[in-house]
Amino acid sequence: MASGDHFGARPADVKSGGGLTDNVGTLALHGAETYAEATRPGPNPPWGEGDSIAEAFERNYKPASGELREAVLLVAKALHGAADMTVKSGLDFEKASDDATRAISSGGHR
């Protein structure tokens, strides 16, 4: 919690939140990979071949579709990366809290 110029965090809760975010990130990665596989055009494109409509799809849809697949995957990877950073923050808060507690207990000496 933040109050004025002070900030406090419960390390266990931060780490737990990172773990939950990791679960969501894993699901997002799986979903993004499934989406990419399901939307990747195969050898026989559904828009056909050899006419002006097929050429328009090849020129316009195919590149945009590939960019969207990549964007979905990048968002999922970012979410998964956020989980790692959150867990690391929890570990850092825990270490800082332990250091402060030891310093107080030892009369200010580390």
C-alpha atoms as a PDB file:
ATOM      1  CA  MET A   1       0.000   0.000   0.000  1.00  0.00           C
ATOM      2  CA  ALA A   2       1.133   3.533  -0.660  1.00  0.00           C
ATOM      3  CA  SER A   3       0.714   6.315   1.854  1.00  0.00           C
ATOM      4  CA  GLY A   4       2.306   9.664   1.197  1.00  0.00           C
ATOM      5  CA  ASP A   5       5.999   8.985   0.617  1.00  0.00           C
ATOM      6  CA  HIS A   6       5.850   5.409   1.960  1.00  0.00           C
ATOM      7  CA  PHE A   7       5.165   2.132   0.260  1.00  0.00           C
ATOM      8  CA  GLY A   8       4.529  -1.239   1.824  1.00  0.00           C
ATOM      9  CA  ALA A   9       3.957  -4.631   0.260  1.00  0.00           C
ATOM     10  CA  ARG A  10       3.260  -8.090   1.609  1.00  0.00           C
ATOM     11  CA  PRO A  11       5.877 -10.179  -0.202  1.00  0.00           C
ATOM     12  CA  ALA A  12       3.833 -13.380  -0.044  1.00  0.00           C
ATOM     13  CA  ASP A  13       0.879 -11.626  -1.682  1.00  0.00           C
ATOM     14  CA  VAL A  14       3.093 -10.149  -4.406  1.00  0.00           C
ATOM     15  CA  LYS A  15       4.610 -13.582  -5.124  1.00  0.00           C
ATOM     16  CA  SER A  16       1.144 -15.159  -5.072  1.00  0.00           C
ATOM     17  CA  GLY A  17      -0.093 -12.553  -7.541  1.00  0.00           C
ATOM     18  CA  GLY A  18       2.862 -13.365  -9.767  1.00  0.00           C
ATOM     19  CA  GLY A  19       1.949 -17.032  -9.611  1.00  0.00           C
ATOM     20  CA  LEU A  20      -1.628 -16.277 -10.615  1.00  0.00           C
ATOM     21  CA  THR A  21      -0.402 -14.034 -13.421  1.00  0.00           C
ATOM     22  CA  ASP A  22       1.853 -16.880 -14.532  1.00  0.00           C
ATOM     23  CA  ASN A  23      -1.190 -19.163 -14.773  1.00  0.00           C
ATOM     24  CA  VAL A  24      -2.997 -16.599 -16.916  1.00  0.00           C
ATOM     25  CA  GLY A  25       0.152 -16.051 -18.995  1.00  0.00           C
ATOM     26  CA  THR A  26       0.468 -19.776 -19.641  1.00  0.00           C
ATOM     27  CA  LEU A  27      -3.156 -19.937 -20.770  1.00  0.00           C
ATOM     28  CA  ALA A  28      -2.617 -16.864 -22.959  1.00  0.00           C
ATOM     29  CA  LEU A  29       0.450 -18.439 -24.587  1.00  0.00           C
ATOM     30  CA  HIS A  30      -1.466 -21.638 -25.267  1.00  0.00           C
ATOM     31  CA  GLY A  31      -4.368 -19.645 -26.697  1.00  0.00           C
ATOM     32  CA  ALA A  32      -2.077 -17.538 -28.877  1.00  0.00           C
ATOM     33  CA  GLU A  33      -0.314 -20.620 -30.229  1.00  0.00           C
ATOM     34  CA  THR A  34      -3.661 -22.319 -30.916  1.00  0.00           C
ATOM     35  CA  TYR A  35      -4.914 -19.173 -32.657  1.00  0.00           C
ATOM     36  CA  ALA A  36      -1.758 -18.938 -34.761  1.00  0.00           C
ATOM     37  CA  GLU A  37      -2.042 -22.546 -35.858  1.00  0.00           C
ATOM     38  CA  ALA A  38      -5.767 -22.290 -36.615  1.00  0.00           C
ATOM     39  CA  THR A  39      -5.412 -19.107 -38.683  1.00  0.00           C
ATOM     40  CA  ARG A  40      -2.265 -19.964 -40.634  1.00  0.00           C
ATOM     41  CA  PRO A  41      -3.261 -20.461 -44.288  1.00  0.00           C
ATOM     42  CA  GLY A  42      -2.623 -23.940 -45.616  1.00  0.00           C
ATOM     43  CA  PRO A  43      -1.596 -25.057 -49.091  1.00  0.00           C
ATOM     44  CA  ASN A  44      -5.149 -24.624 -50.445  1.00  0.00           C
ATOM     45  CA  PRO A  45      -6.254 -21.127 -49.374  1.00  0.00           C
ATOM     46  CA  PRO A  46      -9.994 -20.789 -48.704  1.00  0.00           C
ATOM     47  CA  TRP A  47     -10.183 -17.767 -51.014  1.00  0.00           C
ATOM     48  CA  GLY A  48      -9.115 -19.839 -53.991  1.00  0.00           C
ATOM     49  CA  GLU A  49      -6.412 -19.237 -56.538  1.00  0.00           C
ATOM     50  CA  GLY A  50      -5.913 -17.606 -59.902  1.00  0.00           C
ATOM     51  CA  ASP A  51      -8.540 -14.872 -59.949  1.00  0.00           C
ATOM     52  CA  SER A  52      -8.624 -11.224 -58.865  1.00  0.00           C
ATOM     53  CA  ILE A  53     -10.291 -12.012 -55.523  1.00  0.00           C
ATOM     54  CA  ALA A  54      -7.634 -14.595 -54.679  1.00  0.00           C
ATOM     55  CA  GLU A  55      -4.880 -12.151 -55.644  1.00  0.00           C
ATOM     56  CA  ALA A  56      -6.455  -9.429 -53.476  1.00  0.00           C
ATOM     57  CA  PHE A  57      -6.583 -11.810 -50.504  1.00  0.00           C
ATOM     58  CA  GLU A  58      -2.967 -12.829 -51.028  1.00  0.00           C
ATOM     59  CA  ARG A  59      -1.902  -9.187 -51.228  1.00  0.00           C
ATOM     60  CA  ASN A  60      -4.054  -7.734 -48.414  1.00  0.00           C
ATOM     61  CA  TYR A  61      -5.293 -10.398 -46.034  1.00  0.00           C
ATOM     62  CA  LYS A  62      -2.316 -12.698 -45.787  1.00  0.00           C
ATOM     63  CA  PRO A  63       0.233 -10.105 -44.518  1.00  0.00           C
ATOM     64  CA  ALA A  64      -2.256  -8.520 -42.083  1.00  0.00           C
ATOM     65  CA  SER A  65      -3.271 -11.942 -40.795  1.00  0.00           C
ATOM     66  CA  GLY A  66       0.371 -12.831 -40.151  1.00  0.00           C
ATOM     67  CA  GLU A  67       0.942  -9.542 -38.324  1.00  0.00           C
ATOM     68  CA  LEU A  68      -2.102 -10.182 -36.149  1.00  0.00           C
ATOM     69  CA  ARG A  69      -0.877 -13.684 -35.287  1.00  0.00           C
ATOM     70  CA  GLU A  70       2.484 -12.198 -34.259  1.00  0.00           C
ATOM     71  CA  ALA A  71       0.825  -9.418 -32.213  1.00  0.00           C
ATOM     72  CA  VAL A  72      -1.364 -11.901 -30.320  1.00  0.00           C
ATOM     73  CA  LEU A  73       1.707 -13.992 -29.502  1.00  0.00           C
ATOM     74  CA  LEU A  74       3.674 -10.923 -28.352  1.00  0.00           C
ATOM     75  CA  VAL A  75       0.855  -9.876 -26.004  1.00  0.00           C
ATOM     76  CA  ALA A  76       0.756 -13.378 -24.515  1.00  0.00           C
ATOM     77  CA  LYS A  77       4.544 -13.390 -24.072  1.00  0.00           C
ATOM     78  CA  ALA A  78       4.384  -9.956 -22.395  1.00  0.00           C
ATOM     79  CA  LEU A  79       1.738 -11.184 -19.964  1.00  0.00           C
ATOM     80  CA  HIS A  80       3.837 -14.220 -19.156  1.00  0.00           C
ATOM     81  CA  GLY A  81       6.903 -11.970 -18.682  1.00  0.00           C
ATOM     82  CA  ALA A  82       4.943  -9.752 -16.307  1.00  0.00           C
ATOM     83  CA  ALA A  83       4.409 -12.785 -14.100  1.00  0.00           C
ATOM     84  CA  ASP A  84       8.148 -13.386 -13.854  1.00  0.00           C
ATOM     85  CA  MET A  85       8.764  -9.748 -12.951  1.00  0.00           C
ATOM     86  CA  THR A  86       5.999  -9.810 -10.318  1.00  0.00           C
ATOM     87  CA  VAL A  87       7.410 -12.907  -8.625  1.00  0.00           C
ATOM     88  CA  LYS A  88      10.890 -11.326  -8.689  1.00  0.00           C
ATOM     89  CA  SER A  89       9.460  -8.164  -7.102  1.00  0.00           C
ATOM     90  CA  GLY A  90       7.916 -10.280  -4.350  1.00  0.00           C
ATOM     91  CA  LEU A  91      11.255 -11.942  -3.689  1.00  0.00           C
ATOM     92  CA  ASP A  92      12.971  -8.528  -3.629  1.00  0.00           C
ATOM     93  CA  PHE A  93      10.367  -7.154  -1.173  1.00  0.00           C
ATOM     94  CA  GLU A  94      10.829 -10.246   0.985  1.00  0.00           C
ATOM     95  CA  LYS A  95      14.608  -9.786   1.078  1.00  0.00           C
ATOM     96  CA  ALA A  96      14.256  -6.071   1.874  1.00  0.00           C
ATOM     97  CA  SER A  97      11.800  -6.854   4.670  1.00  0.00           C
ATOM     98  CA  ASP A  98      14.081  -9.543   6.112  1.00  0.00           C
ATOM     99  CA  ASP A  99      17.086  -7.194   5.932  1.00  0.00           C
ATOM    100  CA  ALA A 100      15.150  -4.423   7.681  1.00  0.00           C
ATOM    101  CA  THR A 101      13.900  -6.792  10.387  1.00  0.00           C
ATOM    102  CA  ARG A 102      17.438  -8.080  11.020  1.00  0.00           C
ATOM    103  CA  ALA A 103      18.787  -4.527  11.153  1.00  0.00           C
ATOM    104  CA  ILE A 104      16.162  -3.490  13.695  1.00  0.00           C
ATOM    105  CA  SER A 105      16.681  -6.645  15.764  1.00  0.00           C
ATOM    106  CA  SER A 106      20.447  -6.155  15.862  1.00  0.00           C
ATOM    107  CA  GLY A 107      20.182  -2.529  16.938  1.00  0.00           C
ATOM    108  CA  GLY A 108      20.754  -1.115  13.495  1.00  0.00           C
ATOM    109  CA  HIS A 109      23.793  -3.234  12.598  1.00  0.00           C
ATOM    110  CA  ARG A 110      23.765  -5.645   9.700  1.00  0.00           C
END
